[in-house]
Amino acid sequence: MIGRDFSYPTALESALKIKEISYIHAEGLAAGELKHGPLALVTAGTPCIAYLPNDETYGANLAGAMEMKARGDLLSVSPTKTMKCFDYFIQVADADKATIMPNVVVAQLLAYYLTH
């Protein structure tokens, strides 16, 4: 999972929930840190989640997401679907800086459904 600025804690919380609830390994990363090692671990079939809020970080987050997409499968969580390159897309409400709240709900539900 990747995020930047307010979405970075969302990525961390998402990874934590997935590990706690489903016992599946997950990592939350700052979108700007991908090239410093973690991107090398993304291979074909690796599920990747990118949090893309409608704010000043959108473009930078999208750049990281596209690098992950080039190597693995990409799920985008965002208020708007502006790219058709995502393998999966979950639309959330645009709540400005509070968009992390619906994003965390998505992560909690994902963790829950991964247990079944």
PDB file of N, CA and C in Angstrom:
ATOM      1  N   MET A   1       0.839  -1.166   0.000  1.00  0.00           N
ATOM      2  CA  MET A   1       0.000   0.000   0.000  1.00  0.00           C
ATOM      3  C   MET A   1       0.884   1.228   0.000  1.00  0.00           C
ATOM      4  N   ILE A   2       0.480   2.213  -0.811  1.00  0.00           N
ATOM      5  CA  ILE A   2       1.250   3.450  -0.815  1.00  0.00           C
ATOM      6  C   ILE A   2       0.319   4.639  -0.612  1.00  0.00           C
ATOM      7  N   GLY A   3       0.884   5.671  -0.051  1.00  0.00           N
ATOM      8  CA  GLY A   3       0.192   6.931   0.125  1.00  0.00           C
ATOM      9  C   GLY A   3       1.222   8.006   0.417  1.00  0.00           C
ATOM     10  N   ARG A   4       0.801   9.220   0.342  1.00  0.00           N
ATOM     11  CA  ARG A   4       1.686  10.353   0.583  1.00  0.00           C
ATOM     12  C   ARG A   4       0.928  11.379   1.418  1.00  0.00           C
ATOM     13  N   ASP A   5       1.639  12.077   2.284  1.00  0.00           N
ATOM     14  CA  ASP A   5       1.050  13.101   3.135  1.00  0.00           C
ATOM     15  C   ASP A   5      -0.025  12.460   4.022  1.00  0.00           C
ATOM     16  N   PHE A   6      -1.279  12.884   3.942  1.00  0.00           N
ATOM     17  CA  PHE A   6      -2.326  12.317   4.783  1.00  0.00           C
ATOM     18  C   PHE A   6      -2.640  10.866   4.421  1.00  0.00           C
ATOM     19  N   SER A   7      -2.300  10.448   3.231  1.00  0.00           N
ATOM     20  CA  SER A   7      -2.581   9.067   2.816  1.00  0.00           C
ATOM     21  C   SER A   7      -1.522   8.079   3.299  1.00  0.00           C
ATOM     22  N   TYR A   8      -0.371   8.572   3.709  1.00  0.00           N
ATOM     23  CA  TYR A   8       0.669   7.665   4.206  1.00  0.00           C
ATOM     24  C   TYR A   8       0.222   6.931   5.473  1.00  0.00           C
ATOM     25  N   PRO A   9      -0.337   7.622   6.485  1.00  0.00           N
ATOM     26  CA  PRO A   9      -0.839   6.874   7.637  1.00  0.00           C
ATOM     27  C   PRO A   9      -1.951   5.890   7.258  1.00  0.00           C
ATOM     28  N   THR A  10      -2.708   6.215   6.223  1.00  0.00           N
ATOM     29  CA  THR A  10      -3.742   5.297   5.739  1.00  0.00           C
ATOM     30  C   THR A  10      -3.095   4.016   5.218  1.00  0.00           C
ATOM     31  N   ALA A  11      -2.014   4.154   4.471  1.00  0.00           N
ATOM     32  CA  ALA A  11      -1.300   2.980   3.960  1.00  0.00           C
ATOM     33  C   ALA A  11      -0.757   2.135   5.113  1.00  0.00           C
ATOM     34  N   LEU A  12      -0.216   2.796   6.135  1.00  0.00           N
ATOM     35  CA  LEU A  12       0.296   2.062   7.297  1.00  0.00           C
ATOM     36  C   LEU A  12      -0.826   1.333   8.029  1.00  0.00           C
ATOM     37  N   GLU A  13      -1.945   2.021   8.250  1.00  0.00           N
ATOM     38  CA  GLU A  13      -3.078   1.419   8.939  1.00  0.00           C
ATOM     39  C   GLU A  13      -3.663   0.262   8.137  1.00  0.00           C
ATOM     40  N   SER A  14      -3.719   0.422   6.822  1.00  0.00           N
ATOM     41  CA  SER A  14      -4.231  -0.646   5.961  1.00  0.00           C
ATOM     42  C   SER A  14      -3.384  -1.900   6.091  1.00  0.00           C
ATOM     43  N   ALA A  15      -2.088  -1.728   6.024  1.00  0.00           N
ATOM     44  CA  ALA A  15      -1.187  -2.876   6.148  1.00  0.00           C
ATOM     45  C   ALA A  15      -1.337  -3.532   7.514  1.00  0.00           C
ATOM     46  N   LEU A  16      -1.434  -2.720   8.553  1.00  0.00           N
ATOM     47  CA  LEU A  16      -1.596  -3.257   9.897  1.00  0.00           C
ATOM     48  C   LEU A  16      -2.886  -4.060  10.028  1.00  0.00           C
ATOM     49  N   LYS A  17      -3.997  -3.531   9.518  1.00  0.00           N
ATOM     50  CA  LYS A  17      -5.279  -4.237   9.605  1.00  0.00           C
ATOM     51  C   LYS A  17      -5.239  -5.555   8.843  1.00  0.00           C
ATOM     52  N   ILE A  18      -4.646  -5.551   7.681  1.00  0.00           N
ATOM     53  CA  ILE A  18      -4.565  -6.786   6.888  1.00  0.00           C
ATOM     54  C   ILE A  18      -3.734  -7.833   7.633  1.00  0.00           C
ATOM     55  N   LYS A  19      -2.618  -7.401   8.226  1.00  0.00           N
ATOM     56  CA  LYS A  19      -1.788  -8.343   8.983  1.00  0.00           C
ATOM     57  C   LYS A  19      -2.518  -8.867  10.218  1.00  0.00           C
ATOM     58  N   GLU A  20      -3.179  -7.970  10.950  1.00  0.00           N
ATOM     59  CA  GLU A  20      -3.852  -8.357  12.192  1.00  0.00           C
ATOM     60  C   GLU A  20      -5.052  -9.268  11.958  1.00  0.00           C
ATOM     61  N   ILE A  21      -5.842  -8.955  10.938  1.00  0.00           N
ATOM     62  CA  ILE A  21      -7.112  -9.643  10.741  1.00  0.00           C
ATOM     63  C   ILE A  21      -6.970 -10.895   9.874  1.00  0.00           C
ATOM     64  N   SER A  22      -6.209 -10.794   8.779  1.00  0.00           N
ATOM     65  CA  SER A  22      -6.159 -11.910   7.830  1.00  0.00           C
ATOM     66  C   SER A  22      -4.861 -12.717   7.893  1.00  0.00           C
ATOM     67  N   TYR A  23      -3.883 -12.241   8.657  1.00  0.00           N
ATOM     68  CA  TYR A  23      -2.586 -12.910   8.771  1.00  0.00           C
ATOM     69  C   TYR A  23      -1.867 -13.016   7.425  1.00  0.00           C
ATOM     70  N   ILE A  24      -2.085 -12.026   6.580  1.00  0.00           N
ATOM     71  CA  ILE A  24      -1.399 -11.931   5.290  1.00  0.00           C
ATOM     72  C   ILE A  24      -0.368 -10.804   5.394  1.00  0.00           C
ATOM     73  N   HIS A  25       0.825 -11.053   4.896  1.00  0.00           N
ATOM     74  CA  HIS A  25       1.857 -10.019   4.949  1.00  0.00           C
ATOM     75  C   HIS A  25       1.450  -8.820   4.104  1.00  0.00           C
ATOM     76  N   ALA A  26       1.633  -7.638   4.647  1.00  0.00           N
ATOM     77  CA  ALA A  26       1.343  -6.399   3.931  1.00  0.00           C
ATOM     78  C   ALA A  26       2.288  -5.314   4.434  1.00  0.00           C
ATOM     79  N   GLU A  27       2.588  -4.361   3.561  1.00  0.00           N
ATOM     80  CA  GLU A  27       3.458  -3.250   3.943  1.00  0.00           C
ATOM     81  C   GLU A  27       2.838  -1.937   3.506  1.00  0.00           C
ATOM     82  N   GLY A  28       2.893  -0.947   4.386  1.00  0.00           N
ATOM     83  CA  GLY A  28       2.475   0.403   4.050  1.00  0.00           C
ATOM     84  C   GLY A  28       3.708   1.250   3.812  1.00  0.00           C
ATOM     85  N   LEU A  29       3.728   1.946   2.697  1.00  0.00           N
ATOM     86  CA  LEU A  29       4.920   2.702   2.323  1.00  0.00           C
ATOM     87  C   LEU A  29       4.571   4.112   1.900  1.00  0.00           C
ATOM     88  N   ALA A  30       5.515   5.013   2.100  1.00  0.00           N
ATOM     89  CA  ALA A  30       5.385   6.362   1.554  1.00  0.00           C
ATOM     90  C   ALA A  30       5.608   6.259   0.045  1.00  0.00           C
ATOM     91  N   ALA A  31       4.725   6.860  -0.725  1.00  0.00           N
ATOM     92  CA  ALA A  31       4.806   6.740  -2.189  1.00  0.00           C
ATOM     93  C   ALA A  31       6.152   7.203  -2.734  1.00  0.00           C
ATOM     94  N   GLY A  32       6.776   8.166  -2.096  1.00  0.00           N
ATOM     95  CA  GLY A  32       8.057   8.673  -2.566  1.00  0.00           C
ATOM     96  C   GLY A  32       9.240   7.778  -2.252  1.00  0.00           C
ATOM     97  N   GLU A  33       9.039   6.747  -1.472  1.00  0.00           N
ATOM     98  CA  GLU A  33      10.127   5.861  -1.069  1.00  0.00           C
ATOM     99  C   GLU A  33      10.205   4.578  -1.871  1.00  0.00           C
ATOM    100  N   LEU A  34       9.355   4.414  -2.864  1.00  0.00           N
ATOM    101  CA  LEU A  34       9.313   3.166  -3.626  1.00  0.00           C
ATOM    102  C   LEU A  34      10.635   2.814  -4.290  1.00  0.00           C
ATOM    103  N   LYS A  35      11.308   3.805  -4.831  1.00  0.00           N
ATOM    104  CA  LYS A  35      12.533   3.524  -5.584  1.00  0.00           C
ATOM    105  C   LYS A  35      13.713   3.179  -4.691  1.00  0.00           C
ATOM    106  N   HIS A  36      13.530   3.272  -3.381  1.00  0.00           N
ATOM    107  CA  HIS A  36      14.619   2.986  -2.460  1.00  0.00           C
ATOM    108  C   HIS A  36      14.557   1.558  -1.943  1.00  0.00           C
ATOM    109  N   GLY A  37      14.143   0.620  -2.788  1.00  0.00           N
ATOM    110  CA  GLY A  37      14.172  -0.793  -2.433  1.00  0.00           C
ATOM    111  C   GLY A  37      12.868  -1.540  -2.564  1.00  0.00           C
ATOM    112  N   PRO A  38      11.769  -1.052  -1.978  1.00  0.00           N
ATOM    113  CA  PRO A  38      10.536  -1.845  -1.990  1.00  0.00           C
ATOM    114  C   PRO A  38       9.992  -2.160  -3.377  1.00  0.00           C
ATOM    115  N   LEU A  39      10.194  -1.290  -4.336  1.00  0.00           N
ATOM    116  CA  LEU A  39       9.671  -1.525  -5.681  1.00  0.00           C
ATOM    117  C   LEU A  39      10.277  -2.777  -6.307  1.00  0.00           C
ATOM    118  N   ALA A  40      11.488  -3.118  -5.925  1.00  0.00           N
ATOM    119  CA  ALA A  40      12.148  -4.316  -6.460  1.00  0.00           C
ATOM    120  C   ALA A  40      11.428  -5.593  -6.034  1.00  0.00           C
ATOM    121  N   LEU A  41      10.647  -5.528  -4.973  1.00  0.00           N
ATOM    122  CA  LEU A  41       9.937  -6.711  -4.485  1.00  0.00           C
ATOM    123  C   LEU A  41       8.593  -6.922  -5.177  1.00  0.00           C
ATOM    124  N   VAL A  42       8.132  -5.941  -5.935  1.00  0.00           N
ATOM    125  CA  VAL A  42       6.849  -6.055  -6.633  1.00  0.00           C
ATOM    126  C   VAL A  42       7.075  -6.815  -7.928  1.00  0.00           C
ATOM    127  N   THR A  43       6.446  -7.982  -8.043  1.00  0.00           N
ATOM    128  CA  THR A  43       6.571  -8.808  -9.239  1.00  0.00           C
ATOM    129  C   THR A  43       5.182  -9.117  -9.776  1.00  0.00           C
ATOM    130  N   ALA A  44       5.111  -9.777 -10.897  1.00  0.00           N
ATOM    131  CA  ALA A  44       3.822 -10.114 -11.508  1.00  0.00           C
ATOM    132  C   ALA A  44       2.937 -10.824 -10.494  1.00  0.00           C
ATOM    133  N   GLY A  45       1.718 -10.357 -10.372  1.00  0.00           N
ATOM    134  CA  GLY A  45       0.771 -10.953  -9.448  1.00  0.00           C
ATOM    135  C   GLY A  45       0.784 -10.360  -8.053  1.00  0.00           C
ATOM    136  N   THR A  46       1.731  -9.468  -7.763  1.00  0.00           N
ATOM    137  CA  THR A  46       1.762  -8.825  -6.452  1.00  0.00           C
ATOM    138  C   THR A  46       0.629  -7.812  -6.363  1.00  0.00           C
ATOM    139  N   PRO A  47      -0.269  -7.975  -5.391  1.00  0.00           N
ATOM    140  CA  PRO A  47      -1.348  -6.993  -5.260  1.00  0.00           C
ATOM    141  C   PRO A  47      -0.824  -5.706  -4.628  1.00  0.00           C
ATOM    142  N   CYS A  48      -1.121  -4.580  -5.253  1.00  0.00           N
ATOM    143  CA  CYS A  48      -0.678  -3.271  -4.787  1.00  0.00           C
ATOM    144  C   CYS A  48      -1.896  -2.363  -4.628  1.00  0.00           C
ATOM    145  N   ILE A  49      -1.901  -1.566  -3.588  1.00  0.00           N
ATOM    146  CA  ILE A  49      -2.993  -0.633  -3.339  1.00  0.00           C
ATOM    147  C   ILE A  49      -2.409   0.766  -3.277  1.00  0.00           C
ATOM    148  N   ALA A  50      -3.026   1.684  -4.014  1.00  0.00           N
ATOM    149  CA  ALA A  50      -2.599   3.080  -4.011  1.00  0.00           C
ATOM    150  C   ALA A  50      -3.752   3.962  -3.559  1.00  0.00           C
ATOM    151  N   TYR A  51      -3.490   4.793  -2.569  1.00  0.00           N
ATOM    152  CA  TYR A  51      -4.473   5.769  -2.114  1.00  0.00           C
ATOM    153  C   TYR A  51      -4.210   7.069  -2.848  1.00  0.00           C
ATOM    154  N   LEU A  52      -5.204   7.509  -3.622  1.00  0.00           N
ATOM    155  CA  LEU A  52      -5.050   8.679  -4.486  1.00  0.00           C
ATOM    156  C   LEU A  52      -6.119   9.732  -4.172  1.00  0.00           C
ATOM    157  N   PRO A  53      -5.921  10.527  -3.120  1.00  0.00           N
ATOM    158  CA  PRO A  53      -6.909  11.552  -2.808  1.00  0.00           C
ATOM    159  C   PRO A  53      -6.840  12.714  -3.803  1.00  0.00           C
ATOM    160  N   ASN A  54      -7.920  13.466  -3.883  1.00  0.00           N
ATOM    161  CA  ASN A  54      -7.950  14.650  -4.751  1.00  0.00           C
ATOM    162  C   ASN A  54      -7.296  15.820  -4.032  1.00  0.00           C
ATOM    163  N   ASP A  55      -5.986  15.818  -3.976  1.00  0.00           N
ATOM    164  CA  ASP A  55      -5.255  16.921  -3.360  1.00  0.00           C
ATOM    165  C   ASP A  55      -3.940  17.128  -4.098  1.00  0.00           C
ATOM    166  N   GLU A  56      -3.066  17.912  -3.524  1.00  0.00           N
ATOM    167  CA  GLU A  56      -1.800  18.243  -4.201  1.00  0.00           C
ATOM    168  C   GLU A  56      -0.869  17.049  -4.347  1.00  0.00           C
ATOM    169  N   THR A  57      -1.148  15.949  -3.677  1.00  0.00           N
ATOM    170  CA  THR A  57      -0.291  14.760  -3.773  1.00  0.00           C
ATOM    171  C   THR A  57      -0.738  13.801  -4.873  1.00  0.00           C
ATOM    172  N   TYR A  58      -1.856  14.088  -5.519  1.00  0.00           N
ATOM    173  CA  TYR A  58      -2.420  13.139  -6.488  1.00  0.00           C
ATOM    174  C   TYR A  58      -1.410  12.742  -7.563  1.00  0.00           C
ATOM    175  N   GLY A  59      -0.783  13.704  -8.197  1.00  0.00           N
ATOM    176  CA  GLY A  59       0.149  13.413  -9.290  1.00  0.00           C
ATOM    177  C   GLY A  59       1.333  12.578  -8.842  1.00  0.00           C
ATOM    178  N   ALA A  60       1.904  12.921  -7.693  1.00  0.00           N
ATOM    179  CA  ALA A  60       3.054  12.165  -7.181  1.00  0.00           C
ATOM    180  C   ALA A  60       2.633  10.756  -6.769  1.00  0.00           C
ATOM    181  N   ASN A  61       1.458  10.631  -6.149  1.00  0.00           N
ATOM    182  CA  ASN A  61       0.963   9.300  -5.789  1.00  0.00           C
ATOM    183  C   ASN A  61       0.697   8.474  -7.030  1.00  0.00           C
ATOM    184  N   LEU A  62       0.131   9.103  -8.045  1.00  0.00           N
ATOM    185  CA  LEU A  62      -0.170   8.402  -9.286  1.00  0.00           C
ATOM    186  C   LEU A  62       1.113   7.905  -9.956  1.00  0.00           C
ATOM    187  N   ALA A  63       2.173   8.692  -9.896  1.00  0.00           N
ATOM    188  CA  ALA A  63       3.450   8.271 -10.485  1.00  0.00           C
ATOM    189  C   ALA A  63       3.956   6.994  -9.799  1.00  0.00           C
ATOM    190  N   GLY A  64       3.878   6.949  -8.477  1.00  0.00           N
ATOM    191  CA  GLY A  64       4.276   5.744  -7.753  1.00  0.00           C
ATOM    192  C   GLY A  64       3.372   4.570  -8.078  1.00  0.00           C
ATOM    193  N   ALA A  65       2.077   4.859  -8.190  1.00  0.00           N
ATOM    194  CA  ALA A  65       1.119   3.801  -8.513  1.00  0.00           C
ATOM    195  C   ALA A  65       1.415   3.206  -9.886  1.00  0.00           C
ATOM    196  N   MET A  66       1.759   4.040 -10.838  1.00  0.00           N
ATOM    197  CA  MET A  66       2.050   3.550 -12.184  1.00  0.00           C
ATOM    198  C   MET A  66       3.308   2.680 -12.208  1.00  0.00           C
ATOM    199  N   GLU A  67       4.271   2.993 -11.348  1.00  0.00           N
ATOM    200  CA  GLU A  67       5.464   2.148 -11.258  1.00  0.00           C
ATOM    201  C   GLU A  67       5.104   0.781 -10.682  1.00  0.00           C
ATOM    202  N   MET A  68       4.201   0.773  -9.703  1.00  0.00           N
ATOM    203  CA  MET A  68       3.747  -0.498  -9.153  1.00  0.00           C
ATOM    204  C   MET A  68       2.936  -1.259 -10.188  1.00  0.00           C
ATOM    205  N   LYS A  69       2.094  -0.568 -10.939  1.00  0.00           N
ATOM    206  CA  LYS A  69       1.249  -1.198 -11.963  1.00  0.00           C
ATOM    207  C   LYS A  69       2.104  -1.864 -13.036  1.00  0.00           C
ATOM    208  N   ALA A  70       3.239  -1.277 -13.356  1.00  0.00           N
ATOM    209  CA  ALA A  70       4.124  -1.853 -14.370  1.00  0.00           C
ATOM    210  C   ALA A  70       4.675  -3.209 -13.940  1.00  0.00           C
ATOM    211  N   ARG A  71       4.605  -3.499 -12.633  1.00  0.00           N
ATOM    212  CA  ARG A  71       5.181  -4.741 -12.123  1.00  0.00           C
ATOM    213  C   ARG A  71       4.154  -5.685 -11.499  1.00  0.00           C
ATOM    214  N   GLY A  72       3.047  -5.153 -10.991  1.00  0.00           N
ATOM    215  CA  GLY A  72       2.079  -5.979 -10.271  1.00  0.00           C
ATOM    216  C   GLY A  72       0.655  -5.605 -10.632  1.00  0.00           C
ATOM    217  N   ASP A  73      -0.295  -6.016  -9.790  1.00  0.00           N
ATOM    218  CA  ASP A  73      -1.712  -5.712  -9.985  1.00  0.00           C
ATOM    219  C   ASP A  73      -2.077  -4.538  -9.087  1.00  0.00           C
ATOM    220  N   LEU A  74      -2.784  -3.555  -9.633  1.00  0.00           N
ATOM    221  CA  LEU A  74      -3.030  -2.310  -8.910  1.00  0.00           C
ATOM    222  C   LEU A  74      -4.493  -2.096  -8.586  1.00  0.00           C
ATOM    223  N   LEU A  75      -4.749  -1.846  -7.310  1.00  0.00           N
ATOM    224  CA  LEU A  75      -6.060  -1.415  -6.823  1.00  0.00           C
ATOM    225  C   LEU A  75      -5.908   0.038  -6.414  1.00  0.00           C
ATOM    226  N   SER A  76      -6.753   0.900  -6.954  1.00  0.00           N
ATOM    227  CA  SER A  76      -6.728   2.312  -6.602  1.00  0.00           C
ATOM    228  C   SER A  76      -7.931   2.630  -5.730  1.00  0.00           C
ATOM    229  N   VAL A  77      -7.701   3.395  -4.676  1.00  0.00           N
ATOM    230  CA  VAL A  77      -8.768   3.897  -3.813  1.00  0.00           C
ATOM    231  C   VAL A  77      -8.726   5.409  -3.925  1.00  0.00           C
ATOM    232  N   SER A  78      -9.778   5.979  -4.506  1.00  0.00           N
ATOM    233  CA  SER A  78      -9.770   7.405  -4.812  1.00  0.00           C
ATOM    234  C   SER A  78     -11.198   7.922  -4.973  1.00  0.00           C
ATOM    235  N   PRO A  79     -11.389   9.227  -4.797  1.00  0.00           N
ATOM    236  CA  PRO A  79     -12.707   9.803  -5.053  1.00  0.00           C
ATOM    237  C   PRO A  79     -13.095   9.785  -6.537  1.00  0.00           C
ATOM    238  N   THR A  80     -12.122   9.878  -7.421  1.00  0.00           N
ATOM    239  CA  THR A  80     -12.444   9.903  -8.848  1.00  0.00           C
ATOM    240  C   THR A  80     -11.540   8.955  -9.624  1.00  0.00           C
ATOM    241  N   LYS A  81     -12.121   8.323 -10.606  1.00  0.00           N
ATOM    242  CA  LYS A  81     -11.353   7.432 -11.475  1.00  0.00           C
ATOM    243  C   LYS A  81     -10.968   8.227 -12.714  1.00  0.00           C
ATOM    244  N   THR A  82      -9.716   8.631 -12.747  1.00  0.00           N
ATOM    245  CA  THR A  82      -9.255   9.424 -13.879  1.00  0.00           C
ATOM    246  C   THR A  82      -8.395   8.618 -14.838  1.00  0.00           C
ATOM    247  N   MET A  83      -7.990   7.461 -14.414  1.00  0.00           N
ATOM    248  CA  MET A  83      -7.132   6.633 -15.269  1.00  0.00           C
ATOM    249  C   MET A  83      -7.822   5.298 -15.508  1.00  0.00           C
ATOM    250  N   LYS A  84      -7.686   4.764 -16.694  1.00  0.00           N
ATOM    251  CA  LYS A  84      -8.270   3.457 -17.003  1.00  0.00           C
ATOM    252  C   LYS A  84      -7.250   2.342 -16.836  1.00  0.00           C
ATOM    253  N   CYS A  85      -6.091   2.666 -16.301  1.00  0.00           N
ATOM    254  CA  CYS A  85      -5.016   1.685 -16.194  1.00  0.00           C
ATOM    255  C   CYS A  85      -5.095   0.848 -14.929  1.00  0.00           C
ATOM    256  N   PHE A  86      -5.987   1.186 -14.004  1.00  0.00           N
ATOM    257  CA  PHE A  86      -6.082   0.427 -12.764  1.00  0.00           C
ATOM    258  C   PHE A  86      -6.722  -0.925 -13.033  1.00  0.00           C
ATOM    259  N   ASP A  87      -6.213  -1.948 -12.376  1.00  0.00           N
ATOM    260  CA  ASP A  87      -6.841  -3.264 -12.486  1.00  0.00           C
ATOM    261  C   ASP A  87      -8.157  -3.279 -11.720  1.00  0.00           C
ATOM    262  N   TYR A  88      -8.166  -2.599 -10.589  1.00  0.00           N
ATOM    263  CA  TYR A  88      -9.355  -2.519  -9.746  1.00  0.00           C
ATOM    264  C   TYR A  88      -9.454  -1.098  -9.210  1.00  0.00           C
ATOM    265  N   PHE A  89     -10.671  -0.655  -8.965  1.00  0.00           N
ATOM    266  CA  PHE A  89     -10.888   0.711  -8.488  1.00  0.00           C
ATOM    267  C   PHE A  89     -12.014   0.718  -7.462  1.00  0.00           C
ATOM    268  N   ILE A  90     -11.767   1.357  -6.333  1.00  0.00           N
ATOM    269  CA  ILE A  90     -12.796   1.559  -5.321  1.00  0.00           C
ATOM    270  C   ILE A  90     -12.967   3.061  -5.149  1.00  0.00           C
ATOM    271  N   GLN A  91     -14.174   3.523  -5.420  1.00  0.00           N
ATOM    272  CA  GLN A  91     -14.444   4.950  -5.279  1.00  0.00           C
ATOM    273  C   GLN A  91     -14.890   5.244  -3.850  1.00  0.00           C
ATOM    274  N   VAL A  92     -14.304   6.287  -3.271  1.00  0.00           N
ATOM    275  CA  VAL A  92     -14.675   6.732  -1.926  1.00  0.00           C
ATOM    276  C   VAL A  92     -15.139   8.182  -2.007  1.00  0.00           C
ATOM    277  N   ALA A  93     -15.792   8.633  -0.952  1.00  0.00           N
ATOM    278  CA  ALA A  93     -16.241  10.020  -0.896  1.00  0.00           C
ATOM    279  C   ALA A  93     -15.041  10.962  -0.822  1.00  0.00           C
ATOM    280  N   ASP A  94     -15.169  12.116  -1.461  1.00  0.00           N
ATOM    281  CA  ASP A  94     -14.125  13.135  -1.376  1.00  0.00           C
ATOM    282  C   ASP A  94     -14.437  14.013  -0.166  1.00  0.00           C
ATOM    283  N   ALA A  95     -13.666  13.844   0.890  1.00  0.00           N
ATOM    284  CA  ALA A  95     -13.877  14.593   2.127  1.00  0.00           C
ATOM    285  C   ALA A  95     -12.679  15.481   2.433  1.00  0.00           C
ATOM    286  N   ASP A  96     -12.019  15.969   1.389  1.00  0.00           N
ATOM    287  CA  ASP A  96     -10.843  16.833   1.537  1.00  0.00           C
ATOM    288  C   ASP A  96      -9.786  16.104   2.378  1.00  0.00           C
ATOM    289  N   LYS A  97      -9.280  16.729   3.410  1.00  0.00           N
ATOM    290  CA  LYS A  97      -8.239  16.093   4.224  1.00  0.00           C
ATOM    291  C   LYS A  97      -8.776  14.924   5.039  1.00  0.00           C
ATOM    292  N   ALA A  98     -10.078  14.858   5.226  1.00  0.00           N
ATOM    293  CA  ALA A  98     -10.685  13.748   5.973  1.00  0.00           C
ATOM    294  C   ALA A  98     -10.964  12.543   5.083  1.00  0.00           C
ATOM    295  N   THR A  99     -10.517  12.565   3.831  1.00  0.00           N
ATOM    296  CA  THR A  99     -10.708  11.424   2.931  1.00  0.00           C
ATOM    297  C   THR A  99     -10.027  10.172   3.478  1.00  0.00           C
ATOM    298  N   ILE A 100      -9.084  10.346   4.394  1.00  0.00           N
ATOM    299  CA  ILE A 100      -8.456   9.163   4.985  1.00  0.00           C
ATOM    300  C   ILE A 100      -9.478   8.315   5.734  1.00  0.00           C
ATOM    301  N   MET A 101     -10.549   8.925   6.195  1.00  0.00           N
ATOM    302  CA  MET A 101     -11.551   8.150   6.949  1.00  0.00           C
ATOM    303  C   MET A 101     -12.249   7.114   6.070  1.00  0.00           C
ATOM    304  N   PRO A 102     -12.828   7.479   4.918  1.00  0.00           N
ATOM    305  CA  PRO A 102     -13.400   6.415   4.078  1.00  0.00           C
ATOM    306  C   PRO A 102     -12.337   5.461   3.541  1.00  0.00           C
ATOM    307  N   ASN A 103     -11.110   5.950   3.362  1.00  0.00           N
ATOM    308  CA  ASN A 103     -10.039   5.071   2.906  1.00  0.00           C
ATOM    309  C   ASN A 103      -9.749   3.980   3.935  1.00  0.00           C
ATOM    310  N   VAL A 104      -9.742   4.339   5.211  1.00  0.00           N
ATOM    311  CA  VAL A 104      -9.485   3.360   6.268  1.00  0.00           C
ATOM    312  C   VAL A 104     -10.631   2.358   6.350  1.00  0.00           C
ATOM    313  N   VAL A 105     -11.856   2.814   6.113  1.00  0.00           N
ATOM    314  CA  VAL A 105     -12.990   1.879   6.106  1.00  0.00           C
ATOM    315  C   VAL A 105     -12.803   0.846   4.998  1.00  0.00           C
ATOM    316  N   VAL A 106     -12.344   1.290   3.831  1.00  0.00           N
ATOM    317  CA  VAL A 106     -12.060   0.360   2.734  1.00  0.00           C
ATOM    318  C   VAL A 106     -11.016  -0.663   3.186  1.00  0.00           C
ATOM    319  N   ALA A 107      -9.976  -0.204   3.850  1.00  0.00           N
ATOM    320  CA  ALA A 107      -8.923  -1.105   4.315  1.00  0.00           C
ATOM    321  C   ALA A 107      -9.459  -2.111   5.328  1.00  0.00           C
ATOM    322  N   GLN A 108     -10.311  -1.657   6.230  1.00  0.00           N
ATOM    323  CA  GLN A 108     -10.874  -2.556   7.232  1.00  0.00           C
ATOM    324  C   GLN A 108     -11.760  -3.620   6.579  1.00  0.00           C
ATOM    325  N   LEU A 109     -12.560  -3.203   5.626  1.00  0.00           N
ATOM    326  CA  LEU A 109     -13.412  -4.158   4.927  1.00  0.00           C
ATOM    327  C   LEU A 109     -12.583  -5.147   4.103  1.00  0.00           C
ATOM    328  N   LEU A 110     -11.542  -4.640   3.469  1.00  0.00           N
ATOM    329  CA  LEU A 110     -10.653  -5.517   2.702  1.00  0.00           C
ATOM    330  C   LEU A 110     -10.030  -6.582   3.613  1.00  0.00           C
ATOM    331  N   ALA A 111      -9.535  -6.143   4.750  1.00  0.00           N
ATOM    332  CA  ALA A 111      -8.950  -7.095   5.708  1.00  0.00           C
ATOM    333  C   ALA A 111      -9.981  -8.126   6.142  1.00  0.00           C
ATOM    334  N   TYR A 112     -11.181  -7.679   6.398  1.00  0.00           N
ATOM    335  CA  TYR A 112     -12.251  -8.586   6.826  1.00  0.00           C
ATOM    336  C   TYR A 112     -12.549  -9.625   5.733  1.00  0.00           C
ATOM    337  N   TYR A 113     -12.722  -9.161   4.494  1.00  0.00           N
ATOM    338  CA  TYR A 113     -13.062 -10.086   3.416  1.00  0.00           C
ATOM    339  C   TYR A 113     -11.895 -10.984   3.026  1.00  0.00           C
ATOM    340  N   LEU A 114     -10.688 -10.587   3.307  1.00  0.00           N
ATOM    341  CA  LEU A 114      -9.544 -11.462   3.034  1.00  0.00           C
ATOM    342  C   LEU A 114      -9.509 -12.668   3.970  1.00  0.00           C
ATOM    343  N   THR A 115     -10.246 -12.617   5.071  1.00  0.00           N
ATOM    344  CA  THR A 115     -10.270 -13.748   5.996  1.00  0.00           C
ATOM    345  C   THR A 115     -11.196 -14.851   5.528  1.00  0.00           C
ATOM    346  N   HIS A 116     -12.070 -14.561   4.579  1.00  0.00           N
ATOM    347  CA  HIS A 116     -13.070 -15.540   4.137  1.00  0.00           C
ATOM    348  C   HIS A 116     -12.624 -16.294   2.906  1.00  0.00           C
TER     349      HIS A 116
END
